[in-house]
């Protein structure tokens, strides 16, 4: 158990250094729930026509 914990403590800083800098933009999933933003319904231009886009989670 101590050997496994020591291995994790040694590997963690190496993992953090090796991570790409863009990783901070990742969505962090906590407890299996995504925190998604509600986008209300709006008009959009599709193929030179205005169409109604219903509200949805983005």
N, C-alpha and C. Protein backbone atom coordinates (compact mmCIF):
# COMPACT_ATOMS: atom_id res chain seq x y z
N UNK A 1 0.83 -1.19 0.00
CA UNK A 1 0.00 0.00 0.00
C UNK A 1 0.88 1.26 0.00
N UNK A 2 1.91 1.28 0.83
CA UNK A 2 2.80 2.44 0.88
C UNK A 2 3.55 2.61 -0.44
N UNK A 3 3.92 1.49 -1.04
CA UNK A 3 4.64 1.55 -2.31
C UNK A 3 3.75 2.13 -3.41
N UNK A 4 2.48 1.73 -3.41
CA UNK A 4 1.55 2.26 -4.41
C UNK A 4 1.33 3.76 -4.20
N UNK A 5 1.15 4.18 -2.98
CA UNK A 5 0.96 5.59 -2.68
C UNK A 5 2.19 6.41 -3.06
N UNK A 6 3.37 5.87 -2.78
CA UNK A 6 4.61 6.56 -3.15
C UNK A 6 4.73 6.67 -4.67
N UNK A 7 4.34 5.65 -5.38
CA UNK A 7 4.38 5.69 -6.84
C UNK A 7 3.45 6.74 -7.41
N UNK A 8 2.27 6.86 -6.80
CA UNK A 8 1.31 7.89 -7.25
C UNK A 8 1.86 9.28 -6.98
N UNK A 9 2.45 9.46 -5.82
CA UNK A 9 2.98 10.78 -5.48
C UNK A 9 4.14 11.18 -6.38
N UNK A 10 4.91 10.19 -6.85
CA UNK A 10 6.01 10.49 -7.76
C UNK A 10 5.47 10.75 -9.17
N UNK A 11 4.47 9.99 -9.60
CA UNK A 11 3.97 10.09 -10.97
C UNK A 11 3.09 11.33 -11.18
N UNK A 12 2.42 11.81 -10.15
CA UNK A 12 1.49 12.92 -10.30
C UNK A 12 2.17 14.20 -10.81
N UNK A 13 3.28 14.64 -10.21
CA UNK A 13 3.92 15.85 -10.76
C UNK A 13 4.41 15.67 -12.20
N UNK A 14 4.87 14.48 -12.55
CA UNK A 14 5.31 14.22 -13.92
C UNK A 14 4.13 14.30 -14.88
N UNK A 15 2.99 13.81 -14.45
CA UNK A 15 1.78 13.86 -15.27
C UNK A 15 1.33 15.30 -15.49
N UNK A 16 1.38 16.10 -14.44
CA UNK A 16 0.95 17.50 -14.54
C UNK A 16 1.87 18.27 -15.48
N UNK A 17 3.17 18.02 -15.41
CA UNK A 17 4.12 18.71 -16.28
C UNK A 17 3.92 18.27 -17.74
N UNK A 18 3.59 17.00 -17.96
CA UNK A 18 3.46 16.48 -19.31
C UNK A 18 2.13 16.85 -19.97
N UNK A 19 1.16 17.33 -19.20
CA UNK A 19 -0.14 17.70 -19.76
C UNK A 19 0.00 18.90 -20.68
N UNK A 20 -0.73 18.90 -21.79
CA UNK A 20 -0.70 20.07 -22.67
C UNK A 20 -1.36 21.27 -21.99
N UNK A 21 -0.94 22.45 -22.38
CA UNK A 21 -1.47 23.67 -21.75
C UNK A 21 -2.93 23.88 -22.06
N UNK A 22 -3.46 23.31 -23.12
CA UNK A 22 -4.86 23.48 -23.47
C UNK A 22 -5.78 22.65 -22.59
N UNK A 23 -5.23 21.81 -21.74
CA UNK A 23 -6.06 20.95 -20.90
C UNK A 23 -6.89 21.76 -19.92
N UNK A 24 -6.50 23.00 -19.64
CA UNK A 24 -7.28 23.81 -18.72
C UNK A 24 -8.63 24.16 -19.32
N UNK A 25 -8.79 24.03 -20.64
CA UNK A 25 -10.06 24.35 -21.28
C UNK A 25 -11.03 23.17 -21.26
N UNK A 26 -10.61 22.04 -20.76
CA UNK A 26 -11.48 20.87 -20.72
C UNK A 26 -12.60 21.07 -19.71
N UNK A 27 -13.75 20.48 -20.01
CA UNK A 27 -14.87 20.50 -19.07
C UNK A 27 -14.60 19.42 -18.03
N UNK A 28 -14.61 19.78 -16.78
CA UNK A 28 -14.36 18.82 -15.70
C UNK A 28 -15.69 18.23 -15.28
N UNK A 29 -15.78 16.92 -15.33
CA UNK A 29 -17.00 16.23 -14.98
C UNK A 29 -16.92 15.83 -13.51
N UNK A 30 -17.85 16.32 -12.71
CA UNK A 30 -17.86 16.04 -11.27
C UNK A 30 -19.10 15.23 -10.95
N UNK A 31 -18.89 14.05 -10.45
CA UNK A 31 -20.01 13.20 -10.03
C UNK A 31 -20.92 12.78 -11.17
N UNK A 32 -20.42 12.73 -12.39
CA UNK A 32 -21.22 12.27 -13.51
C UNK A 32 -22.17 13.32 -14.06
N UNK A 33 -22.09 14.57 -13.62
CA UNK A 33 -23.00 15.62 -14.10
C UNK A 33 -22.22 16.66 -14.89
N UNK A 34 -22.75 17.02 -16.04
CA UNK A 34 -22.17 18.09 -16.84
C UNK A 34 -22.89 19.38 -16.47
N UNK A 35 -22.16 20.45 -16.34
CA UNK A 35 -22.77 21.75 -16.11
C UNK A 35 -22.89 22.41 -17.47
N UNK A 36 -24.09 22.31 -18.05
CA UNK A 36 -24.30 22.80 -19.39
C UNK A 36 -25.12 24.08 -19.36
N UNK A 37 -24.91 24.90 -20.37
CA UNK A 37 -25.53 26.22 -20.45
C UNK A 37 -26.79 26.13 -21.30
N UNK A 38 -27.90 26.75 -20.82
CA UNK A 38 -29.15 26.79 -21.56
C UNK A 38 -29.08 27.91 -22.60
N UNK A 39 -29.38 27.56 -23.84
CA UNK A 39 -29.44 28.55 -24.91
C UNK A 39 -30.91 28.73 -25.27
N UNK A 40 -31.48 29.93 -25.06
CA UNK A 40 -32.89 30.13 -25.38
C UNK A 40 -33.14 30.06 -26.89
N UNK A 41 -34.40 29.89 -27.25
CA UNK A 41 -34.76 29.85 -28.66
C UNK A 41 -34.39 31.15 -29.36
N UNK A 42 -34.02 31.05 -30.63
CA UNK A 42 -33.58 32.22 -31.38
C UNK A 42 -33.72 31.96 -32.87
N UNK A 43 -33.71 33.03 -33.63
CA UNK A 43 -33.72 32.94 -35.09
C UNK A 43 -32.30 32.79 -35.60
N UNK A 44 -32.14 31.98 -36.64
CA UNK A 44 -30.83 31.80 -37.26
C UNK A 44 -31.00 31.80 -38.78
N UNK A 45 -29.94 32.11 -39.47
CA UNK A 45 -29.95 32.10 -40.93
C UNK A 45 -29.42 30.75 -41.41
N UNK A 46 -30.26 30.02 -42.14
CA UNK A 46 -29.86 28.71 -42.70
C UNK A 46 -30.22 28.71 -44.18
N UNK A 47 -29.25 28.57 -45.04
CA UNK A 47 -29.47 28.50 -46.48
C UNK A 47 -30.31 29.68 -46.97
N UNK A 48 -29.94 30.87 -46.55
CA UNK A 48 -30.59 32.13 -46.95
C UNK A 48 -32.02 32.26 -46.44
N UNK A 49 -32.43 31.47 -45.46
CA UNK A 49 -33.75 31.57 -44.84
C UNK A 49 -33.58 31.75 -43.35
N UNK A 50 -34.55 32.43 -42.74
CA UNK A 50 -34.55 32.54 -41.28
C UNK A 50 -35.33 31.36 -40.73
N UNK A 51 -34.72 30.63 -39.80
CA UNK A 51 -35.38 29.48 -39.16
C UNK A 51 -35.33 29.64 -37.66
N UNK A 52 -36.35 29.13 -36.98
CA UNK A 52 -36.42 29.19 -35.52
C UNK A 52 -35.68 28.00 -34.92
N UNK A 53 -34.73 28.28 -34.06
CA UNK A 53 -33.99 27.24 -33.33
C UNK A 53 -34.57 27.18 -31.92
N UNK A 54 -35.12 26.05 -31.55
CA UNK A 54 -35.72 25.89 -30.22
C UNK A 54 -34.66 26.00 -29.15
N UNK A 55 -35.07 26.32 -27.93
CA UNK A 55 -34.15 26.36 -26.81
C UNK A 55 -33.54 24.99 -26.57
N UNK A 56 -32.29 24.98 -26.19
CA UNK A 56 -31.58 23.71 -25.96
C UNK A 56 -30.39 23.94 -25.05
N UNK A 57 -29.87 22.85 -24.53
CA UNK A 57 -28.64 22.90 -23.74
C UNK A 57 -27.45 22.81 -24.68
N UNK A 58 -26.44 23.64 -24.42
CA UNK A 58 -25.25 23.64 -25.25
C UNK A 58 -24.09 23.02 -24.52
